[in-house]
Amino acid sequence: MLKEKHLHLFRMVQQRGAIPSGKGTVAFWESIRKEWNSLHKQHTYETWKGVKLAYERIKTQVERRIKNKGGPQ
């Protein structure tokens, strides 16, 4: 089940535009982690990989919901 905190992380990433692949990937996710941790003191991430993994899970759920509702494919 997607909660508001999940959608907030999803939106944070989406607002930054394209997610870099290769060079710049770690810096991108680290900046997301720092911003998230500053806003959410109760649920912080220790590494950039944790944020990336959480985002990927959320993205999969969002895409599945869109597909199940007959949205864009």
C-alpha atoms as a PDB file:
ATOM      1  CA  MET A   1       0.000   0.000   0.000  1.00  0.00           C
ATOM      2  CA  LEU A   2       1.338   3.394  -0.943  1.00  0.00           C
ATOM      3  CA  LYS A   3       1.365   5.919   1.849  1.00  0.00           C
ATOM      4  CA  GLU A   4       1.859   9.670   1.648  1.00  0.00           C
ATOM      5  CA  LYS A   5       5.562   9.310   2.546  1.00  0.00           C
ATOM      6  CA  HIS A   6       6.019   6.953  -0.419  1.00  0.00           C
ATOM      7  CA  LEU A   7       4.389   9.408  -2.778  1.00  0.00           C
ATOM      8  CA  HIS A   8       6.526  12.214  -1.359  1.00  0.00           C
ATOM      9  CA  LEU A   9       9.723  10.309  -2.171  1.00  0.00           C
ATOM     10  CA  PHE A  10       8.380   9.479  -5.634  1.00  0.00           C
ATOM     11  CA  ARG A  11       7.592  13.149  -6.300  1.00  0.00           C
ATOM     12  CA  MET A  12      10.978  14.320  -4.993  1.00  0.00           C
ATOM     13  CA  VAL A  13      12.748  12.133  -7.526  1.00  0.00           C
ATOM     14  CA  GLN A  14      10.365  12.929 -10.390  1.00  0.00           C
ATOM     15  CA  GLN A  15      10.743  16.686  -9.862  1.00  0.00           C
ATOM     16  CA  ARG A  16      14.477  16.453 -10.493  1.00  0.00           C
ATOM     17  CA  GLY A  17      13.966  15.121 -13.982  1.00  0.00           C
ATOM     18  CA  ALA A  18      15.903  12.305 -15.561  1.00  0.00           C
ATOM     19  CA  ILE A  19      17.721   9.980 -13.207  1.00  0.00           C
ATOM     20  CA  PRO A  20      21.345   9.790 -14.320  1.00  0.00           C
ATOM     21  CA  SER A  21      22.868   6.484 -15.247  1.00  0.00           C
ATOM     22  CA  GLY A  22      26.581   6.008 -14.937  1.00  0.00           C
ATOM     23  CA  LYS A  23      28.477   9.067 -13.804  1.00  0.00           C
ATOM     24  CA  GLY A  24      26.437  11.193 -11.437  1.00  0.00           C
ATOM     25  CA  THR A  25      24.218   8.393 -10.170  1.00  0.00           C
ATOM     26  CA  VAL A  26      25.634   8.307  -6.650  1.00  0.00           C
ATOM     27  CA  ALA A  27      25.583  12.094  -6.324  1.00  0.00           C
ATOM     28  CA  PHE A  28      21.956  12.205  -7.498  1.00  0.00           C
ATOM     29  CA  TRP A  29      20.757   9.611  -4.991  1.00  0.00           C
ATOM     30  CA  GLU A  30      22.894  11.063  -2.214  1.00  0.00           C
ATOM     31  CA  SER A  31      21.278  14.476  -2.731  1.00  0.00           C
ATOM     32  CA  ILE A  32      17.828  12.859  -2.557  1.00  0.00           C
ATOM     33  CA  ARG A  33      18.864  11.047   0.643  1.00  0.00           C
ATOM     34  CA  LYS A  34      20.093  14.250   2.290  1.00  0.00           C
ATOM     35  CA  GLU A  35      16.955  16.180   1.357  1.00  0.00           C
ATOM     36  CA  TRP A  36      14.706  13.346   2.528  1.00  0.00           C
ATOM     37  CA  ASN A  37      16.559  12.957   5.829  1.00  0.00           C
ATOM     38  CA  SER A  38      16.350  16.683   6.544  1.00  0.00           C
ATOM     39  CA  LEU A  39      12.566  16.597   6.055  1.00  0.00           C
ATOM     40  CA  HIS A  40      11.798  13.226   7.658  1.00  0.00           C
ATOM     41  CA  LYS A  41      13.648  12.851  10.953  1.00  0.00           C
ATOM     42  CA  GLN A  42      11.596   9.777  11.946  1.00  0.00           C
ATOM     43  CA  HIS A  43      12.378   7.745   8.819  1.00  0.00           C
ATOM     44  CA  THR A  44      15.848   8.379   7.518  1.00  0.00           C
ATOM     45  CA  TYR A  45      18.020   6.495   5.068  1.00  0.00           C
ATOM     46  CA  GLU A  46      21.603   5.652   5.938  1.00  0.00           C
ATOM     47  CA  THR A  47      22.821   5.152   2.380  1.00  0.00           C
ATOM     48  CA  TRP A  48      21.978   6.382  -1.088  1.00  0.00           C
ATOM     49  CA  LYS A  49      21.298   2.771  -2.099  1.00  0.00           C
ATOM     50  CA  GLY A  50      18.435   2.558   0.393  1.00  0.00           C
ATOM     51  CA  VAL A  51      16.753   5.575  -1.150  1.00  0.00           C
ATOM     52  CA  LYS A  52      17.249   4.221  -4.663  1.00  0.00           C
ATOM     53  CA  LEU A  53      15.807   0.836  -3.741  1.00  0.00           C
ATOM     54  CA  ALA A  54      12.793   2.440  -2.018  1.00  0.00           C
ATOM     55  CA  TYR A  55      12.141   4.631  -5.065  1.00  0.00           C
ATOM     56  CA  GLU A  56      12.353   1.662  -7.431  1.00  0.00           C
ATOM     57  CA  ARG A  57       9.806  -0.269  -5.346  1.00  0.00           C
ATOM     58  CA  ILE A  58       7.462   2.714  -5.223  1.00  0.00           C
ATOM     59  CA  LYS A  59       7.823   3.303  -8.967  1.00  0.00           C
ATOM     60  CA  THR A  60       6.923  -0.341  -9.647  1.00  0.00           C
ATOM     61  CA  GLN A  61       3.783  -0.004  -7.527  1.00  0.00           C
ATOM     62  CA  VAL A  62       2.760   3.249  -9.228  1.00  0.00           C
ATOM     63  CA  GLU A  63       3.287   1.764 -12.688  1.00  0.00           C
ATOM     64  CA  ARG A  64       1.311  -1.355 -11.758  1.00  0.00           C
ATOM     65  CA  ARG A  65      -1.608   0.769 -10.532  1.00  0.00           C
ATOM     66  CA  ILE A  66      -1.629   2.825 -13.718  1.00  0.00           C
ATOM     67  CA  LYS A  67      -1.566  -0.299 -15.861  1.00  0.00           C
ATOM     68  CA  ASN A  68      -4.333  -1.991 -13.849  1.00  0.00           C
ATOM     69  CA  LYS A  69      -6.562   1.058 -14.224  1.00  0.00           C
ATOM     70  CA  GLY A  70      -6.089   1.139 -17.981  1.00  0.00           C
ATOM     71  CA  GLY A  71      -3.880   4.204 -17.938  1.00  0.00           C
ATOM     72  CA  PRO A  72      -0.904   4.998 -20.150  1.00  0.00           C
ATOM     73  CA  GLN A  73       1.217   1.980 -20.999  1.00  0.00           C
END
